[in-house]
Amino acid sequence: MMNHLSRILSLLLLVSAAVFFSNCDGGDDPQKTEEEIQLEKFEAGQWTIQTVTNDGVNRTTEYPGMTLSFTGTFATGGTYQYSSNATSWPAMSPWEKSGTWKFVSGSVGSKIIRLTDDVEMTYAFTNSDKQLSLTFNYTGGGFDNGRVEKVEGAWSFIFTRP
């Protein structure tokens, strides 16, 4: 009788262990890809302009009150949207007010491409991901096609968020 009870207890313990471990999925959520992590940083809030420079010349006053927002649903190699707003815009600008973009394959952690004009931008998040810098070289006529002024050259847009 004792031997029979011992076997039943052992079997019950084995079944309990099997049920316990079958409910374990091996961890929390699946690990996020680099692209998903970076997209979350872009979409973390509304970005406000701090400085704009063109070939080392400060042009921040040409973009008063500029804000920038990123949106989109994550998909590997996906296309996302951005929109920006300002109190006023310069007559010519290398910055299109809204458009689509995606990460540059092989450089997800540092480069995006604006799809309207295929301008590749280097980006960096600093200050605990509360500062975003976008740098790029621009050639062409610019957006909003007003009077002719210099829009070509090396540009840097630095944004912050709360």
C-alpha atoms as a PDB file:
ATOM      1  CA  MET A   1       0.000   0.000   0.000  1.00  0.00           C
ATOM      2  CA  MET A   2       2.818   2.413   0.914  1.00  0.00           C
ATOM      3  CA  ASN A   3       4.616   1.591  -2.346  1.00  0.00           C
ATOM      4  CA  HIS A   4       1.414   2.249  -4.312  1.00  0.00           C
ATOM      5  CA  LEU A   5       0.870   5.595  -2.519  1.00  0.00           C
ATOM      6  CA  SER A   6       4.469   6.581  -3.213  1.00  0.00           C
ATOM      7  CA  ARG A   7       3.984   5.941  -6.947  1.00  0.00           C
ATOM      8  CA  ILE A   8       0.774   7.989  -7.040  1.00  0.00           C
ATOM      9  CA  LEU A   9       2.463  10.858  -5.234  1.00  0.00           C
ATOM     10  CA  SER A  10       5.420  10.714  -7.618  1.00  0.00           C
ATOM     11  CA  LEU A  11       3.092  10.690 -10.612  1.00  0.00           C
ATOM     12  CA  LEU A  12       1.096  13.608  -9.196  1.00  0.00           C
ATOM     13  CA  LEU A  13       4.301  15.579  -8.610  1.00  0.00           C
ATOM     14  CA  LEU A  14       5.491  14.847 -12.156  1.00  0.00           C
ATOM     15  CA  VAL A  15       2.149  15.943 -13.685  1.00  0.00           C
ATOM     16  CA  SER A  16       2.137  19.110 -11.559  1.00  0.00           C
ATOM     17  CA  ALA A  17       5.664  19.987 -12.707  1.00  0.00           C
ATOM     18  CA  ALA A  18       4.707  19.376 -16.355  1.00  0.00           C
ATOM     19  CA  VAL A  19       1.664  21.652 -16.054  1.00  0.00           C
ATOM     20  CA  PHE A  20       3.704  24.340 -14.318  1.00  0.00           C
ATOM     21  CA  PHE A  21       6.458  24.373 -16.943  1.00  0.00           C
ATOM     22  CA  SER A  22       4.054  24.190 -19.880  1.00  0.00           C
ATOM     23  CA  ASN A  23       2.585  27.525 -18.766  1.00  0.00           C
ATOM     24  CA  CYS A  24       5.993  29.193 -18.885  1.00  0.00           C
ATOM     25  CA  ASP A  25       6.652  30.834 -22.261  1.00  0.00           C
ATOM     26  CA  GLY A  26      10.370  31.307 -21.644  1.00  0.00           C
ATOM     27  CA  GLY A  27      10.266  35.032 -20.986  1.00  0.00           C
ATOM     28  CA  ASP A  28       8.426  38.265 -21.462  1.00  0.00           C
ATOM     29  CA  ASP A  29       7.621  39.781 -24.827  1.00  0.00           C
ATOM     30  CA  PRO A  30       9.780  38.736 -27.757  1.00  0.00           C
ATOM     31  CA  GLN A  31      12.902  40.848 -28.122  1.00  0.00           C
ATOM     32  CA  LYS A  32      12.313  43.990 -30.204  1.00  0.00           C
ATOM     33  CA  THR A  33      14.301  44.611 -33.351  1.00  0.00           C
ATOM     34  CA  GLU A  34      16.640  47.595 -33.651  1.00  0.00           C
ATOM     35  CA  GLU A  35      14.193  49.179 -36.097  1.00  0.00           C
ATOM     36  CA  GLU A  36      11.301  48.860 -33.641  1.00  0.00           C
ATOM     37  CA  ILE A  37      13.400  50.323 -30.806  1.00  0.00           C
ATOM     38  CA  GLN A  38      14.484  53.305 -32.923  1.00  0.00           C
ATOM     39  CA  LEU A  39      10.935  53.936 -34.207  1.00  0.00           C
ATOM     40  CA  GLU A  40       9.677  54.107 -30.615  1.00  0.00           C
ATOM     41  CA  LYS A  41      12.286  56.788 -29.912  1.00  0.00           C
ATOM     42  CA  PHE A  42      11.166  58.868 -32.911  1.00  0.00           C
ATOM     43  CA  GLU A  43       7.505  58.513 -31.913  1.00  0.00           C
ATOM     44  CA  ALA A  44       8.113  59.209 -28.199  1.00  0.00           C
ATOM     45  CA  GLY A  45       6.594  62.679 -28.383  1.00  0.00           C
ATOM     46  CA  GLN A  46       6.502  65.956 -30.219  1.00  0.00           C
ATOM     47  CA  TRP A  47       9.932  67.367 -31.001  1.00  0.00           C
ATOM     48  CA  THR A  48      10.636  71.123 -30.733  1.00  0.00           C
ATOM     49  CA  ILE A  49      13.369  72.857 -32.706  1.00  0.00           C
ATOM     50  CA  GLN A  50      16.430  74.060 -30.815  1.00  0.00           C
ATOM     51  CA  THR A  51      18.875  74.952 -33.573  1.00  0.00           C
ATOM     52  CA  VAL A  52      19.115  74.913 -37.353  1.00  0.00           C
ATOM     53  CA  THR A  53      22.422  75.444 -39.136  1.00  0.00           C
ATOM     54  CA  ASN A  54      23.392  75.487 -42.800  1.00  0.00           C
ATOM     55  CA  ASP A  55      27.091  75.188 -43.560  1.00  0.00           C
ATOM     56  CA  GLY A  56      27.786  76.375 -40.008  1.00  0.00           C
ATOM     57  CA  VAL A  57      25.518  79.450 -40.253  1.00  0.00           C
ATOM     58  CA  ASN A  58      22.760  79.639 -37.628  1.00  0.00           C
ATOM     59  CA  ARG A  59      19.353  79.756 -39.359  1.00  0.00           C
ATOM     60  CA  THR A  60      17.151  78.869 -36.379  1.00  0.00           C
ATOM     61  CA  THR A  61      15.166  82.131 -36.627  1.00  0.00           C
ATOM     62  CA  GLU A  62      13.885  81.032 -40.058  1.00  0.00           C
ATOM     63  CA  TYR A  63      11.941  78.183 -38.364  1.00  0.00           C
ATOM     64  CA  PRO A  64      10.190  79.895 -35.412  1.00  0.00           C
ATOM     65  CA  GLY A  65       8.282  77.512 -33.164  1.00  0.00           C
ATOM     66  CA  MET A  66       8.976  74.527 -35.400  1.00  0.00           C
ATOM     67  CA  THR A  67       7.716  71.191 -34.101  1.00  0.00           C
ATOM     68  CA  LEU A  68       8.108  67.724 -35.556  1.00  0.00           C
ATOM     69  CA  SER A  69       6.094  64.535 -35.039  1.00  0.00           C
ATOM     70  CA  PHE A  70       6.640  61.013 -36.318  1.00  0.00           C
ATOM     71  CA  THR A  71       3.888  58.430 -36.774  1.00  0.00           C
ATOM     72  CA  GLY A  72       3.403  54.985 -38.232  1.00  0.00           C
ATOM     73  CA  THR A  73       2.770  51.381 -37.401  1.00  0.00           C
ATOM     74  CA  PHE A  74       5.896  49.268 -37.081  1.00  0.00           C
ATOM     75  CA  ALA A  75       6.671  46.864 -39.900  1.00  0.00           C
ATOM     76  CA  THR A  76      10.114  45.516 -40.745  1.00  0.00           C
ATOM     77  CA  GLY A  77      11.443  47.758 -43.525  1.00  0.00           C
ATOM     78  CA  GLY A  78       8.302  49.885 -43.152  1.00  0.00           C
ATOM     79  CA  THR A  79       7.496  53.368 -44.320  1.00  0.00           C
ATOM     80  CA  TYR A  80       6.523  55.976 -41.726  1.00  0.00           C
ATOM     81  CA  GLN A  81       5.218  59.544 -41.716  1.00  0.00           C
ATOM     82  CA  TYR A  82       6.437  62.828 -40.293  1.00  0.00           C
ATOM     83  CA  SER A  83       4.775  66.201 -40.048  1.00  0.00           C
ATOM     84  CA  SER A  84       6.173  69.522 -38.953  1.00  0.00           C
ATOM     85  CA  ASN A  85       4.742  72.894 -38.156  1.00  0.00           C
ATOM     86  CA  ALA A  86       6.176  76.350 -37.559  1.00  0.00           C
ATOM     87  CA  THR A  87       4.941  79.895 -37.022  1.00  0.00           C
ATOM     88  CA  SER A  88       6.413  80.722 -40.439  1.00  0.00           C
ATOM     89  CA  TRP A  89       8.712  79.076 -42.983  1.00  0.00           C
ATOM     90  CA  PRO A  90      11.525  80.476 -45.064  1.00  0.00           C
ATOM     91  CA  ALA A  91      10.667  81.074 -48.735  1.00  0.00           C
ATOM     92  CA  MET A  92      12.984  78.217 -49.657  1.00  0.00           C
ATOM     93  CA  SER A  93      13.799  75.342 -47.370  1.00  0.00           C
ATOM     94  CA  PRO A  94      15.460  71.935 -47.564  1.00  0.00           C
ATOM     95  CA  TRP A  95      12.803  70.780 -45.096  1.00  0.00           C
ATOM     96  CA  GLU A  96       9.500  69.580 -46.482  1.00  0.00           C
ATOM     97  CA  LYS A  97       6.684  70.180 -43.973  1.00  0.00           C
ATOM     98  CA  SER A  98       5.404  66.600 -44.157  1.00  0.00           C
ATOM     99  CA  GLY A  99       6.226  63.395 -45.900  1.00  0.00           C
ATOM    100  CA  THR A 100       7.272  59.792 -45.610  1.00  0.00           C
ATOM    101  CA  TRP A 101      10.529  58.208 -44.528  1.00  0.00           C
ATOM    102  CA  LYS A 102      12.102  54.886 -43.676  1.00  0.00           C
ATOM    103  CA  PHE A 103      15.217  53.521 -42.045  1.00  0.00           C
ATOM    104  CA  VAL A 104      18.262  52.915 -44.249  1.00  0.00           C
ATOM    105  CA  SER A 105      18.820  49.176 -44.450  1.00  0.00           C
ATOM    106  CA  GLY A 106      22.058  48.207 -42.730  1.00  0.00           C
ATOM    107  CA  SER A 107      22.197  51.541 -40.842  1.00  0.00           C
ATOM    108  CA  VAL A 108      18.941  51.421 -38.858  1.00  0.00           C
ATOM    109  CA  GLY A 109      20.601  52.846 -35.741  1.00  0.00           C
ATOM    110  CA  SER A 110      21.906  55.968 -37.481  1.00  0.00           C
ATOM    111  CA  LYS A 111      20.285  56.752 -40.856  1.00  0.00           C
ATOM    112  CA  ILE A 112      16.866  57.432 -42.338  1.00  0.00           C
ATOM    113  CA  ILE A 113      15.835  58.431 -45.837  1.00  0.00           C
ATOM    114  CA  ARG A 114      13.169  60.988 -46.703  1.00  0.00           C
ATOM    115  CA  LEU A 115      11.249  59.347 -49.517  1.00  0.00           C
ATOM    116  CA  THR A 116       9.953  62.505 -51.234  1.00  0.00           C
ATOM    117  CA  ASP A 117      13.402  63.427 -52.511  1.00  0.00           C
ATOM    118  CA  ASP A 118      15.585  60.485 -51.407  1.00  0.00           C
ATOM    119  CA  VAL A 119      17.594  62.655 -49.018  1.00  0.00           C
ATOM    120  CA  GLU A 120      19.512  60.468 -46.591  1.00  0.00           C
ATOM    121  CA  MET A 121      19.768  61.867 -43.070  1.00  0.00           C
ATOM    122  CA  THR A 122      22.064  60.850 -40.265  1.00  0.00           C
ATOM    123  CA  TYR A 123      20.329  60.912 -36.910  1.00  0.00           C
ATOM    124  CA  ALA A 124      21.357  60.609 -33.288  1.00  0.00           C
ATOM    125  CA  PHE A 125      19.451  60.499 -30.023  1.00  0.00           C
ATOM    126  CA  THR A 126      21.246  62.006 -27.016  1.00  0.00           C
ATOM    127  CA  ASN A 127      20.387  63.299 -23.547  1.00  0.00           C
ATOM    128  CA  SER A 128      18.457  60.149 -22.538  1.00  0.00           C
ATOM    129  CA  ASP A 129      16.735  60.111 -25.960  1.00  0.00           C
ATOM    130  CA  LYS A 130      15.270  63.589 -25.377  1.00  0.00           C
ATOM    131  CA  GLN A 131      17.387  65.266 -28.059  1.00  0.00           C
ATOM    132  CA  LEU A 132      17.281  64.351 -31.742  1.00  0.00           C
ATOM    133  CA  SER A 133      19.762  65.637 -34.289  1.00  0.00           C
ATOM    134  CA  LEU A 134      19.169  65.237 -38.004  1.00  0.00           C
ATOM    135  CA  THR A 135      22.023  66.120 -40.356  1.00  0.00           C
ATOM    136  CA  PHE A 136      22.071  65.908 -44.130  1.00  0.00           C
ATOM    137  CA  ASN A 137      23.541  67.381 -47.288  1.00  0.00           C
ATOM    138  CA  TYR A 138      21.002  69.007 -49.526  1.00  0.00           C
ATOM    139  CA  THR A 139      21.219  69.861 -53.210  1.00  0.00           C
ATOM    140  CA  GLY A 140      18.348  71.204 -55.245  1.00  0.00           C
ATOM    141  CA  GLY A 141      15.838  73.996 -55.277  1.00  0.00           C
ATOM    142  CA  GLY A 142      14.212  73.391 -51.929  1.00  0.00           C
ATOM    143  CA  PHE A 143      10.551  73.260 -50.988  1.00  0.00           C
ATOM    144  CA  ASP A 144       7.923  76.008 -51.205  1.00  0.00           C
ATOM    145  CA  ASN A 145       9.693  77.456 -54.278  1.00  0.00           C
ATOM    146  CA  GLY A 146       9.652  81.092 -53.287  1.00  0.00           C
ATOM    147  CA  ARG A 147      12.479  83.492 -53.922  1.00  0.00           C
ATOM    148  CA  VAL A 148      15.921  82.135 -54.640  1.00  0.00           C
ATOM    149  CA  GLU A 149      18.162  81.776 -51.642  1.00  0.00           C
ATOM    150  CA  LYS A 150      20.770  79.301 -50.589  1.00  0.00           C
ATOM    151  CA  VAL A 151      19.341  75.979 -49.449  1.00  0.00           C
ATOM    152  CA  GLU A 152      22.138  73.718 -50.612  1.00  0.00           C
ATOM    153  CA  GLY A 153      24.850  72.461 -48.328  1.00  0.00           C
ATOM    154  CA  ALA A 154      25.259  70.728 -44.988  1.00  0.00           C
ATOM    155  CA  TRP A 155      22.198  71.101 -42.724  1.00  0.00           C
ATOM    156  CA  SER A 156      21.694  70.276 -39.078  1.00  0.00           C
ATOM    157  CA  PHE A 157      18.323  70.327 -37.309  1.00  0.00           C
ATOM    158  CA  ILE A 158      18.403  69.693 -33.554  1.00  0.00           C
ATOM    159  CA  PHE A 159      15.147  69.008 -31.714  1.00  0.00           C
ATOM    160  CA  THR A 160      14.264  68.287 -28.086  1.00  0.00           C
ATOM    161  CA  ARG A 161      11.255  66.827 -26.324  1.00  0.00           C
ATOM    162  CA  PRO A 162      10.140  66.916 -22.696  1.00  0.00           C
END
